[in-house]
C-alpha atoms as a PDB file:
ATOM      1  CA  MET A   1       0.000   0.000   0.000  1.00  0.00           C
ATOM      2  CA  GLU A   2       2.739   2.367   0.928  1.00  0.00           C
ATOM      3  CA  ASP A   3       4.433   1.672  -2.377  1.00  0.00           C
ATOM      4  CA  LEU A   4       1.193   2.577  -4.164  1.00  0.00           C
ATOM      5  CA  ASN A   5       0.879   5.846  -2.195  1.00  0.00           C
ATOM      6  CA  GLU A   6       4.482   6.766  -2.963  1.00  0.00           C
ATOM      7  CA  GLN A   7       3.888   6.023  -6.644  1.00  0.00           C
ATOM      8  CA  LYS A   8       0.776   8.273  -6.645  1.00  0.00           C
ATOM      9  CA  LYS A   9       2.755  11.046  -4.935  1.00  0.00           C
ATOM     10  CA  SER A  10       5.525  10.624  -7.466  1.00  0.00           C
ATOM     11  CA  ASN A  11       3.028  10.787 -10.363  1.00  0.00           C
ATOM     12  CA  LYS A  12       1.458  13.926  -8.868  1.00  0.00           C
ATOM     13  CA  LYS A  13       4.880  15.534  -8.546  1.00  0.00           C
ATOM     14  CA  THR A  14       5.695  14.638 -12.152  1.00  0.00           C
ATOM     15  CA  ILE A  15       2.395  16.063 -13.375  1.00  0.00           C
ATOM     16  CA  ILE A  16       2.915  19.249 -11.350  1.00  0.00           C
ATOM     17  CA  ILE A  17       6.442  19.649 -12.756  1.00  0.00           C
ATOM     18  CA  ILE A  18       5.248  19.077 -16.343  1.00  0.00           C
ATOM     19  CA  VAL A  19       2.365  21.545 -15.956  1.00  0.00           C
ATOM     20  CA  THR A  20       4.727  24.122 -14.450  1.00  0.00           C
ATOM     21  CA  VAL A  21       7.220  23.712 -17.307  1.00  0.00           C
ATOM     22  CA  VAL A  22       4.439  24.016 -19.914  1.00  0.00           C
ATOM     23  CA  LEU A  23       3.030  27.169 -18.264  1.00  0.00           C
ATOM     24  CA  LEU A  24       6.483  28.746 -18.033  1.00  0.00           C
ATOM     25  CA  SER A  25       7.110  27.940 -21.709  1.00  0.00           C
ATOM     26  CA  ILE A  26       3.839  29.565 -22.714  1.00  0.00           C
ATOM     27  CA  ALA A  27       4.588  32.627 -20.587  1.00  0.00           C
ATOM     28  CA  ALA A  28       8.060  32.924 -22.141  1.00  0.00           C
ATOM     29  CA  ALA A  29       6.616  32.645 -25.655  1.00  0.00           C
ATOM     30  CA  VAL A  30       3.996  35.322 -24.971  1.00  0.00           C
ATOM     31  CA  GLY A  31       6.544  37.585 -23.284  1.00  0.00           C
ATOM     32  CA  GLY A  32       9.008  37.185 -26.162  1.00  0.00           C
ATOM     33  CA  THR A  33       6.312  37.926 -28.712  1.00  0.00           C
ATOM     34  CA  LEU A  34       5.207  41.062 -26.879  1.00  0.00           C
ATOM     35  CA  PHE A  35       8.797  42.175 -26.487  1.00  0.00           C
ATOM     36  CA  PHE A  36       9.585  41.849 -30.181  1.00  0.00           C
ATOM     37  CA  LEU A  37       6.337  43.556 -31.155  1.00  0.00           C
ATOM     38  CA  GLY A  38       7.268  46.445 -28.870  1.00  0.00           C
ATOM     39  CA  LYS A  39       4.281  46.082 -26.591  1.00  0.00           C
ATOM     40  CA  VAL A  40       5.977  45.255 -23.316  1.00  0.00           C
ATOM     41  CA  PRO A  41       4.609  47.472 -20.554  1.00  0.00           C
ATOM     42  CA  GLY A  42       7.072  49.057 -18.179  1.00  0.00           C
ATOM     43  CA  LEU A  43       9.979  49.597 -20.562  1.00  0.00           C
ATOM     44  CA  GLY A  44       9.475  53.343 -20.264  1.00  0.00           C
ATOM     45  CA  GLY A  45       9.459  53.965 -23.982  1.00  0.00           C
ATOM     46  CA  ALA A  46      12.581  51.943 -24.732  1.00  0.00           C
ATOM     47  CA  VAL A  47      10.698  50.272 -27.570  1.00  0.00           C
ATOM     48  CA  GLU A  48       8.858  52.770 -29.726  1.00  0.00           C
ATOM     49  CA  GLN A  49       6.214  52.019 -32.328  1.00  0.00           C
ATOM     50  CA  VAL A  50       6.738  54.067 -35.474  1.00  0.00           C
ATOM     51  CA  SER A  51       3.736  54.751 -37.659  1.00  0.00           C
ATOM     52  CA  ALA A  52       3.621  56.345 -41.082  1.00  0.00           C
ATOM     53  CA  PRO A  53       2.499  59.962 -40.913  1.00  0.00           C
ATOM     54  CA  SER A  54      -0.598  60.855 -42.863  1.00  0.00           C
ATOM     55  CA  GLY A  55      -1.402  64.030 -44.734  1.00  0.00           C
ATOM     56  CA  PRO A  56       1.194  66.623 -45.698  1.00  0.00           C
ATOM     57  CA  GLN A  57       4.791  65.643 -45.108  1.00  0.00           C
ATOM     58  CA  ILE A  58       7.832  67.908 -45.095  1.00  0.00           C
ATOM     59  CA  THR A  59      11.067  66.438 -46.404  1.00  0.00           C
ATOM     60  CA  PRO A  60      14.593  67.795 -46.003  1.00  0.00           C
ATOM     61  CA  SER A  61      14.435  69.382 -49.485  1.00  0.00           C
ATOM     62  CA  ASN A  62      11.640  71.686 -48.263  1.00  0.00           C
ATOM     63  CA  SER A  63       9.179  70.024 -50.590  1.00  0.00           C
ATOM     64  CA  VAL A  64       5.790  69.054 -49.247  1.00  0.00           C
ATOM     65  CA  TYR A  65       4.008  65.927 -50.457  1.00  0.00           C
ATOM     66  CA  TYR A  66       0.337  65.065 -50.329  1.00  0.00           C
ATOM     67  CA  GLU A  67      -0.888  61.547 -51.080  1.00  0.00           C
ATOM     68  CA  MET A  68      -4.316  61.405 -52.684  1.00  0.00           C
ATOM     69  CA  GLU A  69      -6.148  58.482 -51.112  1.00  0.00           C
ATOM     70  CA  PRO A  70      -7.647  56.173 -52.256  1.00  0.00           C
ATOM     71  CA  ALA A  71      -5.906  55.168 -55.464  1.00  0.00           C
ATOM     72  CA  PHE A  72      -7.532  55.902 -58.817  1.00  0.00           C
ATOM     73  CA  VAL A  73      -8.924  52.809 -60.539  1.00  0.00           C
ATOM     74  CA  ILE A  74      -9.813  53.138 -64.222  1.00  0.00           C
ATOM     75  CA  ASN A  75     -11.212  50.531 -66.581  1.00  0.00           C
ATOM     76  CA  PHE A  76     -10.603  50.484 -70.334  1.00  0.00           C
ATOM     77  CA  ASN A  77     -12.048  48.632 -73.282  1.00  0.00           C
ATOM     78  CA  ALA A  78      -8.970  47.561 -75.231  1.00  0.00           C
ATOM     79  CA  GLY A  79     -10.291  45.649 -78.212  1.00  0.00           C
ATOM     80  CA  ARG A  80     -12.364  42.792 -76.904  1.00  0.00           C
ATOM     81  CA  LYS A  81     -10.694  42.765 -73.507  1.00  0.00           C
ATOM     82  CA  GLN A  82     -11.526  44.692 -70.392  1.00  0.00           C
ATOM     83  CA  ARG A  83      -8.375  46.338 -68.964  1.00  0.00           C
ATOM     84  CA  PHE A  84      -7.738  48.097 -65.672  1.00  0.00           C
ATOM     85  CA  MET A  85      -5.310  50.684 -64.382  1.00  0.00           C
ATOM     86  CA  GLN A  86      -4.672  51.581 -60.738  1.00  0.00           C
ATOM     87  CA  VAL A  87      -2.747  54.789 -60.055  1.00  0.00           C
ATOM     88  CA  TYR A  88      -1.512  56.023 -56.687  1.00  0.00           C
ATOM     89  CA  VAL A  89      -1.053  59.779 -56.936  1.00  0.00           C
ATOM     90  CA  ALA A  90       1.028  62.138 -54.803  1.00  0.00           C
ATOM     91  CA  VAL A  91       1.289  65.888 -55.282  1.00  0.00           C
ATOM     92  CA  LYS A  92       4.601  67.714 -54.741  1.00  0.00           C
ATOM     93  CA  ALA A  93       4.570  71.390 -53.755  1.00  0.00           C
ATOM     94  CA  GLN A  94       6.868  73.907 -52.117  1.00  0.00           C
ATOM     95  CA  THR A  95       4.504  75.177 -49.413  1.00  0.00           C
ATOM     96  CA  GLU A  96       2.043  73.826 -46.894  1.00  0.00           C
ATOM     97  CA  ASP A  97      -0.507  76.325 -48.247  1.00  0.00           C
ATOM     98  CA  ALA A  98      -0.367  74.720 -51.696  1.00  0.00           C
ATOM     99  CA  VAL A  99      -0.942  71.290 -50.165  1.00  0.00           C
ATOM    100  CA  ALA A 100      -3.825  72.701 -48.101  1.00  0.00           C
ATOM    101  CA  GLN A 101      -5.374  74.011 -51.321  1.00  0.00           C
ATOM    102  CA  VAL A 102      -5.004  70.597 -52.956  1.00  0.00           C
ATOM    103  CA  SER A 103      -6.644  68.992 -49.922  1.00  0.00           C
ATOM    104  CA  GLN A 104      -9.456  71.546 -49.886  1.00  0.00           C
ATOM    105  CA  HIS A 105     -10.219  71.089 -53.594  1.00  0.00           C
ATOM    106  CA  ALA A 106      -9.558  67.344 -53.658  1.00  0.00           C
ATOM    107  CA  PRO A 107     -13.065  66.411 -54.895  1.00  0.00           C
ATOM    108  CA  VAL A 108     -12.707  68.604 -58.009  1.00  0.00           C
ATOM    109  CA  ILE A 109      -9.136  67.418 -58.551  1.00  0.00           C
ATOM    110  CA  ARG A 110     -10.152  63.755 -58.198  1.00  0.00           C
ATOM    111  CA  ASN A 111     -13.004  64.277 -60.663  1.00  0.00           C
ATOM    112  CA  ASN A 112     -10.731  65.904 -63.236  1.00  0.00           C
ATOM    113  CA  LEU A 113      -8.034  63.268 -62.821  1.00  0.00           C
ATOM    114  CA  ASN A 114     -10.598  60.473 -63.159  1.00  0.00           C
ATOM    115  CA  GLN A 115     -11.799  62.013 -66.421  1.00  0.00           C
ATOM    116  CA  LEU A 116      -8.235  62.510 -67.650  1.00  0.00           C
ATOM    117  CA  PHE A 117      -7.216  58.936 -66.876  1.00  0.00           C
ATOM    118  CA  ALA A 118     -10.361  57.502 -68.472  1.00  0.00           C
ATOM    119  CA  LYS A 119      -9.605  59.340 -71.755  1.00  0.00           C
ATOM    120  CA  GLN A 120      -6.194  57.713 -72.112  1.00  0.00           C
ATOM    121  CA  ASP A 121      -5.446  55.106 -74.755  1.00  0.00           C
ATOM    122  CA  PHE A 122      -4.482  51.899 -72.976  1.00  0.00           C
ATOM    123  CA  GLU A 123      -1.852  50.992 -75.569  1.00  0.00           C
ATOM    124  CA  SER A 124      -0.092  54.368 -75.452  1.00  0.00           C
ATOM    125  CA  ILE A 125       0.186  54.522 -71.658  1.00  0.00           C
ATOM    126  CA  GLN A 126       2.023  51.206 -71.606  1.00  0.00           C
ATOM    127  CA  THR A 127       5.143  52.998 -72.850  1.00  0.00           C
ATOM    128  CA  PRO A 128       7.338  55.131 -70.582  1.00  0.00           C
ATOM    129  CA  GLU A 129       6.694  58.133 -72.822  1.00  0.00           C
ATOM    130  CA  GLY A 130       2.920  57.626 -72.593  1.00  0.00           C
ATOM    131  CA  LYS A 131       3.088  57.409 -68.806  1.00  0.00           C
ATOM    132  CA  GLU A 132       5.168  60.588 -68.651  1.00  0.00           C
ATOM    133  CA  GLU A 133       2.708  62.442 -70.901  1.00  0.00           C
ATOM    134  CA  MET A 134      -0.170  61.306 -68.688  1.00  0.00           C
ATOM    135  CA  ARG A 135       1.735  62.449 -65.574  1.00  0.00           C
ATOM    136  CA  GLN A 136       2.383  65.861 -67.097  1.00  0.00           C
ATOM    137  CA  ALA A 137      -1.281  66.148 -68.117  1.00  0.00           C
ATOM    138  CA  ALA A 138      -2.265  65.250 -64.533  1.00  0.00           C
ATOM    139  CA  THR A 139       0.062  67.962 -63.225  1.00  0.00           C
ATOM    140  CA  GLN A 140      -1.554  70.480 -65.554  1.00  0.00           C
ATOM    141  CA  ALA A 141      -5.044  69.354 -64.490  1.00  0.00           C
ATOM    142  CA  VAL A 142      -4.237  69.944 -60.806  1.00  0.00           C
ATOM    143  CA  GLN A 143      -2.628  73.306 -61.573  1.00  0.00           C
ATOM    144  CA  ASP A 144      -5.736  74.316 -63.560  1.00  0.00           C
ATOM    145  CA  VAL A 145      -8.021  73.526 -60.611  1.00  0.00           C
ATOM    146  CA  LEU A 146      -5.798  75.512 -58.243  1.00  0.00           C
ATOM    147  CA  ALA A 147      -5.703  78.435 -60.679  1.00  0.00           C
ATOM    148  CA  LYS A 148      -9.491  78.443 -60.935  1.00  0.00           C
ATOM    149  CA  TYR A 149     -10.500  77.756 -57.311  1.00  0.00           C
ATOM    150  CA  GLY A 150      -7.369  78.318 -55.249  1.00  0.00           C
ATOM    151  CA  ASN A 151      -5.715  81.309 -53.640  1.00  0.00           C
ATOM    152  CA  GLY A 152      -2.807  81.605 -56.063  1.00  0.00           C
ATOM    153  CA  GLU A 153      -0.779  78.686 -54.729  1.00  0.00           C
ATOM    154  CA  THR A 154       0.466  76.106 -57.203  1.00  0.00           C
ATOM    155  CA  ILE A 155       2.106  72.687 -57.179  1.00  0.00           C
ATOM    156  CA  ASP A 156       5.383  71.516 -58.681  1.00  0.00           C
ATOM    157  CA  GLN A 157       4.207  68.216 -60.084  1.00  0.00           C
ATOM    158  CA  VAL A 158       2.005  65.184 -59.783  1.00  0.00           C
ATOM    159  CA  LEU A 159       3.835  61.942 -59.058  1.00  0.00           C
ATOM    160  CA  PHE A 160       2.639  58.417 -59.733  1.00  0.00           C
ATOM    161  CA  THR A 161       3.897  56.537 -56.697  1.00  0.00           C
ATOM    162  CA  ASN A 162       2.490  53.252 -58.012  1.00  0.00           C
ATOM    163  CA  LEU A 163       0.910  52.443 -61.367  1.00  0.00           C
ATOM    164  CA  VAL A 164      -0.499  49.013 -62.153  1.00  0.00           C
ATOM    165  CA  MET A 165      -2.049  48.061 -65.479  1.00  0.00           C
ATOM    166  CA  GLN A 166      -3.541  44.758 -66.514  1.00  0.00           C
END
């Protein structure tokens, strides 16, 4: 009987040790994950989450950029096939006021750019020259809106930060 009681005690000790090891392993895994994700409380800001700034951004060259969100998506009828183009547009200017004007008149600018992009010939914009012509036309379209509705501010250029065609 005593042998059976000792064996039960030994099994209980083994189970307790195994459960303790498993719990410590789980705690270490969770702690390591939180540490590497930068979400460990009590580090006093030693790990800092960096997020991408939104809206106007000033770069060292004193240019200000404004990303027009969401991307423009245009569909084309190229022969018998339906084709699509997705364009991410950013506007480069020299002053915050110019970017504020672009932001204020964004609905008119988006409308004009949508119309401009939809008028393009799918075959011609597949070439680098065609893309550059479309970019220059987009720059002119934004400058025209600012000249008509703005306060005299203008932009330097429109940039295509991503252009996908299929």
